[in-house]
Amino acid sequence: MDDKAKILSQYRIEKAEEDLEVARLNFHYDKLLQSVNRSYYSIFHAVRALLAFDLFDSKRHSAIIAYFNKHYIASEKIDKKYYKMLASAFDLRIKSDYQDFYVISKTEAKEQLDNAVEFINMVKSFIENNIK
């Protein structure tokens, strides 16, 4: 395993976990739109942690998502439910960030938070068990 990739991946996991903690705090204080935003970014950084080992990155979120889908979901290395989590988080983040008067329910925000926890844990486990 490339040491640079491992260091970069670990940095991105830490970033994902920090965003997750901020998502939790925002949720606790009923800042639901901000919680959804940070839940998405926690998932996004977890994906980038995985892709560090592929030496792939992009400034475009859509490119990161497409690469993850092609190389991990379509190849069945990772269950498709994780793509659905990522896509849902991305869609909600776009709506919550850019649509005026967008309202999200506490239930939806909690689901995104729970998905982020599961997603980060999956990525950490995948790296531990599959990247040598």
C-alpha atoms as a PDB file:
ATOM      1  CA  MET A   1       0.000   0.000   0.000  1.00  0.00           C
ATOM      2  CA  ASP A   2       1.271   3.448  -0.902  1.00  0.00           C
ATOM      3  CA  ASP A   3       2.084   5.392   2.290  1.00  0.00           C
ATOM      4  CA  LYS A   4       0.992   8.697   0.707  1.00  0.00           C
ATOM      5  CA  ALA A   5      -2.388   7.212  -0.179  1.00  0.00           C
ATOM      6  CA  LYS A   6      -2.752   5.803   3.319  1.00  0.00           C
ATOM      7  CA  ILE A   7      -1.936   9.159   4.942  1.00  0.00           C
ATOM      8  CA  LEU A   8      -4.283  11.010   2.594  1.00  0.00           C
ATOM      9  CA  SER A   9      -7.044   8.481   3.200  1.00  0.00           C
ATOM     10  CA  GLN A  10      -6.682   8.781   6.966  1.00  0.00           C
ATOM     11  CA  TYR A  11      -6.777  12.580   6.725  1.00  0.00           C
ATOM     12  CA  ARG A  12     -10.001  12.376   4.709  1.00  0.00           C
ATOM     13  CA  ILE A  13     -11.559   9.941   7.202  1.00  0.00           C
ATOM     14  CA  GLU A  14     -10.748  12.392   9.997  1.00  0.00           C
ATOM     15  CA  LYS A  15     -12.354  15.163   7.948  1.00  0.00           C
ATOM     16  CA  ALA A  16     -15.428  12.971   7.436  1.00  0.00           C
ATOM     17  CA  GLU A  17     -15.660  12.307  11.173  1.00  0.00           C
ATOM     18  CA  GLU A  18     -15.309  16.019  11.993  1.00  0.00           C
ATOM     19  CA  ASP A  19     -18.109  16.857   9.570  1.00  0.00           C
ATOM     20  CA  LEU A  20     -20.202  14.110  11.143  1.00  0.00           C
ATOM     21  CA  GLU A  21     -19.710  15.630  14.586  1.00  0.00           C
ATOM     22  CA  VAL A  22     -20.767  19.047  13.273  1.00  0.00           C
ATOM     23  CA  ALA A  23     -23.812  17.418  11.652  1.00  0.00           C
ATOM     24  CA  ARG A  24     -24.729  15.909  15.031  1.00  0.00           C
ATOM     25  CA  LEU A  25     -24.361  19.261  16.799  1.00  0.00           C
ATOM     26  CA  ASN A  26     -26.440  21.035  14.167  1.00  0.00           C
ATOM     27  CA  PHE A  27     -29.107  18.356  14.447  1.00  0.00           C
ATOM     28  CA  HIS A  28     -29.130  18.646  18.239  1.00  0.00           C
ATOM     29  CA  TYR A  29     -29.739  22.400  17.962  1.00  0.00           C
ATOM     30  CA  ASP A  30     -32.421  21.956  15.253  1.00  0.00           C
ATOM     31  CA  LYS A  31     -30.228  23.443  12.531  1.00  0.00           C
ATOM     32  CA  LEU A  32     -31.514  20.817  10.133  1.00  0.00           C
ATOM     33  CA  LEU A  33     -30.379  22.306   6.828  1.00  0.00           C
ATOM     34  CA  GLN A  34     -26.860  22.692   8.184  1.00  0.00           C
ATOM     35  CA  SER A  35     -26.997  19.168   9.589  1.00  0.00           C
ATOM     36  CA  VAL A  36     -27.927  17.782   6.166  1.00  0.00           C
ATOM     37  CA  ASN A  37     -25.091  19.753   4.583  1.00  0.00           C
ATOM     38  CA  ARG A  38     -22.512  18.373   7.013  1.00  0.00           C
ATOM     39  CA  SER A  39     -23.943  14.839   6.775  1.00  0.00           C
ATOM     40  CA  TYR A  40     -23.406  14.986   3.025  1.00  0.00           C
ATOM     41  CA  TYR A  41     -19.870  16.260   3.390  1.00  0.00           C
ATOM     42  CA  SER A  42     -19.041  13.535   5.880  1.00  0.00           C
ATOM     43  CA  ILE A  43     -20.118  10.941   3.294  1.00  0.00           C
ATOM     44  CA  PHE A  44     -18.319  12.801   0.512  1.00  0.00           C
ATOM     45  CA  HIS A  45     -15.025  12.889   2.408  1.00  0.00           C
ATOM     46  CA  ALA A  46     -15.387   9.201   3.264  1.00  0.00           C
ATOM     47  CA  VAL A  47     -15.735   8.436  -0.456  1.00  0.00           C
ATOM     48  CA  ARG A  48     -12.653  10.536  -1.152  1.00  0.00           C
ATOM     49  CA  ALA A  49     -10.800   8.582   1.567  1.00  0.00           C
ATOM     50  CA  LEU A  50     -11.514   5.404  -0.353  1.00  0.00           C
ATOM     51  CA  LEU A  51     -10.593   6.936  -3.709  1.00  0.00           C
ATOM     52  CA  ALA A  52      -7.225   8.067  -2.341  1.00  0.00           C
ATOM     53  CA  PHE A  53      -6.062   4.500  -2.898  1.00  0.00           C
ATOM     54  CA  ASP A  54      -7.102   4.731  -6.552  1.00  0.00           C
ATOM     55  CA  LEU A  55      -5.178   7.986  -6.903  1.00  0.00           C
ATOM     56  CA  PHE A  56      -8.391   9.582  -8.168  1.00  0.00           C
ATOM     57  CA  ASP A  57      -9.760  12.961  -7.165  1.00  0.00           C
ATOM     58  CA  SER A  58     -11.745  15.755  -8.749  1.00  0.00           C
ATOM     59  CA  LYS A  59     -12.964  19.208  -7.840  1.00  0.00           C
ATOM     60  CA  ARG A  60     -16.384  18.196  -9.185  1.00  0.00           C
ATOM     61  CA  HIS A  61     -18.593  16.283  -6.778  1.00  0.00           C
ATOM     62  CA  SER A  62     -20.398  14.667  -9.700  1.00  0.00           C
ATOM     63  CA  ALA A  63     -17.104  13.199 -10.948  1.00  0.00           C
ATOM     64  CA  ILE A  64     -16.312  11.730  -7.511  1.00  0.00           C
ATOM     65  CA  ILE A  65     -19.799  10.225  -7.294  1.00  0.00           C
ATOM     66  CA  ALA A  66     -19.631   8.831 -10.847  1.00  0.00           C
ATOM     67  CA  TYR A  67     -16.217   7.267 -10.219  1.00  0.00           C
ATOM     68  CA  PHE A  68     -17.418   5.679  -6.982  1.00  0.00           C
ATOM     69  CA  ASN A  69     -20.483   4.318  -8.759  1.00  0.00           C
ATOM     70  CA  LYS A  70     -18.504   2.902 -11.679  1.00  0.00           C
ATOM     71  CA  HIS A  71     -15.580   1.402  -9.776  1.00  0.00           C
ATOM     72  CA  TYR A  72     -17.202   0.266  -6.536  1.00  0.00           C
ATOM     73  CA  ILE A  73     -20.966  -0.075  -7.010  1.00  0.00           C
ATOM     74  CA  ALA A  74     -21.233  -1.329 -10.606  1.00  0.00           C
ATOM     75  CA  SER A  75     -18.353  -3.734  -9.965  1.00  0.00           C
ATOM     76  CA  GLU A  76     -20.232  -4.947  -6.857  1.00  0.00           C
ATOM     77  CA  LYS A  77     -17.304  -4.309  -4.520  1.00  0.00           C
ATOM     78  CA  ILE A  78     -19.707  -2.255  -2.395  1.00  0.00           C
ATOM     79  CA  ASP A  79     -23.457  -2.738  -1.965  1.00  0.00           C
ATOM     80  CA  LYS A  80     -25.610  -0.428  -4.094  1.00  0.00           C
ATOM     81  CA  LYS A  81     -27.412   0.862  -1.003  1.00  0.00           C
ATOM     82  CA  TYR A  82     -24.339   3.003  -0.342  1.00  0.00           C
ATOM     83  CA  TYR A  83     -24.642   4.665  -3.720  1.00  0.00           C
ATOM     84  CA  LYS A  84     -28.270   5.412  -2.879  1.00  0.00           C
ATOM     85  CA  MET A  85     -27.163   6.952   0.424  1.00  0.00           C
ATOM     86  CA  LEU A  86     -24.584   9.103  -1.351  1.00  0.00           C
ATOM     87  CA  ALA A  87     -26.967  10.176  -4.107  1.00  0.00           C
ATOM     88  CA  SER A  88     -29.719  11.010  -1.613  1.00  0.00           C
ATOM     89  CA  ALA A  89     -27.333  13.013   0.551  1.00  0.00           C
ATOM     90  CA  PHE A  90     -26.072  14.891  -2.500  1.00  0.00           C
ATOM     91  CA  ASP A  91     -29.601  15.708  -3.689  1.00  0.00           C
ATOM     92  CA  LEU A  92     -30.698  16.927  -0.269  1.00  0.00           C
ATOM     93  CA  ARG A  93     -27.530  18.979   0.135  1.00  0.00           C
ATOM     94  CA  ILE A  94     -28.149  20.698  -3.215  1.00  0.00           C
ATOM     95  CA  LYS A  95     -31.763  21.437  -2.305  1.00  0.00           C
ATOM     96  CA  SER A  96     -30.949  22.651   1.198  1.00  0.00           C
ATOM     97  CA  ASP A  97     -28.086  24.848   0.008  1.00  0.00           C
ATOM     98  CA  TYR A  98     -29.607  26.370  -3.113  1.00  0.00           C
ATOM     99  CA  GLN A  99     -33.405  26.277  -2.990  1.00  0.00           C
ATOM    100  CA  ASP A 100     -34.969  29.257  -1.300  1.00  0.00           C
ATOM    101  CA  PHE A 101     -37.421  28.351   1.451  1.00  0.00           C
ATOM    102  CA  TYR A 102     -36.468  24.672   1.340  1.00  0.00           C
ATOM    103  CA  VAL A 103     -37.693  22.885   4.454  1.00  0.00           C
ATOM    104  CA  ILE A 104     -36.391  19.559   5.653  1.00  0.00           C
ATOM    105  CA  SER A 105     -38.052  17.463   8.317  1.00  0.00           C
ATOM    106  CA  LYS A 106     -36.299  16.321  11.443  1.00  0.00           C
ATOM    107  CA  THR A 107     -36.932  12.747  10.284  1.00  0.00           C
ATOM    108  CA  GLU A 108     -35.143  13.367   6.966  1.00  0.00           C
ATOM    109  CA  ALA A 109     -32.222  15.061   8.702  1.00  0.00           C
ATOM    110  CA  LYS A 110     -31.930  12.185  11.185  1.00  0.00           C
ATOM    111  CA  GLU A 111     -31.964   9.674   8.340  1.00  0.00           C
ATOM    112  CA  GLN A 112     -29.113  11.532   6.643  1.00  0.00           C
ATOM    113  CA  LEU A 113     -27.176  11.611   9.896  1.00  0.00           C
ATOM    114  CA  ASP A 114     -27.686   7.874  10.439  1.00  0.00           C
ATOM    115  CA  ASN A 115     -26.692   7.180   6.825  1.00  0.00           C
ATOM    116  CA  ALA A 116     -23.506   9.185   7.277  1.00  0.00           C
ATOM    117  CA  VAL A 117     -22.540   7.116  10.333  1.00  0.00           C
ATOM    118  CA  GLU A 118     -23.171   3.867   8.461  1.00  0.00           C
ATOM    119  CA  PHE A 119     -21.371   5.088   5.348  1.00  0.00           C
ATOM    120  CA  ILE A 120     -18.216   6.155   7.199  1.00  0.00           C
ATOM    121  CA  ASN A 121     -18.135   2.854   9.079  1.00  0.00           C
ATOM    122  CA  MET A 122     -18.523   0.946   5.818  1.00  0.00           C
ATOM    123  CA  VAL A 123     -15.640   2.835   4.194  1.00  0.00           C
ATOM    124  CA  LYS A 124     -13.381   2.297   7.196  1.00  0.00           C
ATOM    125  CA  SER A 125     -14.209  -1.409   7.205  1.00  0.00           C
ATOM    126  CA  PHE A 126     -13.762  -1.709   3.435  1.00  0.00           C
ATOM    127  CA  ILE A 127     -10.329  -0.081   3.613  1.00  0.00           C
ATOM    128  CA  GLU A 128      -9.285  -2.251   6.544  1.00  0.00           C
ATOM    129  CA  ASN A 129     -10.421  -5.486   4.887  1.00  0.00           C
ATOM    130  CA  ASN A 130      -9.647  -4.849   1.219  1.00  0.00           C
ATOM    131  CA  ILE A 131      -6.762  -2.433   0.855  1.00  0.00           C
ATOM    132  CA  LYS A 132      -3.369  -4.000   1.419  1.00  0.00           C
END
